[in-house]
Amino acid sequence: MKLVQLSVLAAAMVMSSVVLAAGGGDRTFKRMMANKDQAMEKFVAKEQARDPVVLNEKKDDKTKDL
């Protein structure tokens, strides 16, 4: 009897993992990656539209190194 219960439990665990793996997780991941790509495109476009930042490499006596 214990062997039958153990077999049923093992079969249920295997079946649930197979069913969940083929579920909506792949679609959710695909949608998440598409949203990330879209957000990155908007970010890059916004950064390119900004004026470039000019760094002054010259240091004077008043400038202290951090």
Protein backbone atom coordinates (compact mmCIF):
# COMPACT_ATOMS: atom_id res chain seq x y z
CA MET A 1 0.00 0.00 0.00
CA LYS A 2 2.84 2.39 0.83
CA LEU A 3 4.46 1.66 -2.52
CA VAL A 4 1.22 2.57 -4.33
CA GLN A 5 0.88 5.83 -2.36
CA LEU A 6 4.51 6.70 -3.01
CA SER A 7 4.07 5.98 -6.72
CA VAL A 8 0.94 8.12 -6.90
CA LEU A 9 2.71 10.97 -5.11
CA ALA A 10 5.70 10.73 -7.45
CA ALA A 11 3.43 10.67 -10.51
CA ALA A 12 1.52 13.70 -9.23
CA MET A 13 4.75 15.62 -8.68
CA VAL A 14 6.02 14.78 -12.16
CA MET A 15 2.71 15.65 -13.81
CA SER A 16 2.42 18.97 -11.99
CA SER A 17 5.93 20.03 -12.98
CA VAL A 18 5.27 19.14 -16.62
CA VAL A 19 1.95 21.00 -16.66
CA LEU A 20 3.38 24.09 -14.96
CA ALA A 21 6.43 24.17 -17.24
CA ALA A 22 4.20 24.34 -20.32
CA GLY A 23 1.92 26.96 -18.78
CA GLY A 24 1.99 30.72 -18.93
CA GLY A 25 5.52 31.16 -17.61
CA ASP A 26 7.02 31.25 -21.08
CA ARG A 27 4.53 33.83 -22.27
CA THR A 28 5.08 35.94 -19.18
CA PHE A 29 8.86 35.81 -19.64
CA LYS A 30 8.53 36.71 -23.32
CA ARG A 31 6.29 39.68 -22.48
CA MET A 32 8.67 40.79 -19.73
CA MET A 33 11.65 40.71 -22.11
CA ALA A 34 9.70 42.64 -24.77
CA ASN A 35 8.82 45.32 -22.20
CA LYS A 36 12.48 45.50 -21.12
CA ASP A 37 13.65 45.93 -24.72
CA GLN A 38 11.07 48.66 -25.31
CA ALA A 39 12.12 50.49 -22.15
CA MET A 40 15.79 50.26 -23.14
CA GLU A 41 15.02 51.70 -26.58
CA LYS A 42 13.20 54.64 -24.97
CA PHE A 43 16.07 55.18 -22.54
CA VAL A 44 18.69 55.19 -25.30
CA ALA A 45 16.63 57.60 -27.39
CA LYS A 46 16.23 59.91 -24.39
CA GLU A 47 19.94 59.79 -23.57
CA GLN A 48 20.91 60.55 -27.17
CA ALA A 49 18.52 63.54 -27.23
CA ARG A 50 20.18 65.12 -24.19
CA ASP A 51 23.04 67.54 -24.49
CA PRO A 52 26.37 65.86 -23.92
CA VAL A 53 28.01 66.41 -20.56
CA VAL A 54 31.41 68.06 -20.81
CA LEU A 55 33.92 67.09 -18.17
CA ASN A 56 36.70 69.47 -17.35
CA GLU A 57 39.84 67.46 -16.75
CA LYS A 58 41.87 70.48 -15.65
CA LYS A 59 42.37 70.85 -11.94
CA ASP A 60 43.32 73.98 -10.13
CA ASP A 61 44.58 74.69 -6.63
CA LYS A 62 41.06 74.88 -5.22
CA THR A 63 40.05 71.46 -6.50
CA LYS A 64 40.62 68.66 -4.04
CA ASP A 65 40.82 65.00 -4.88
CA LEU A 66 38.15 62.94 -3.21
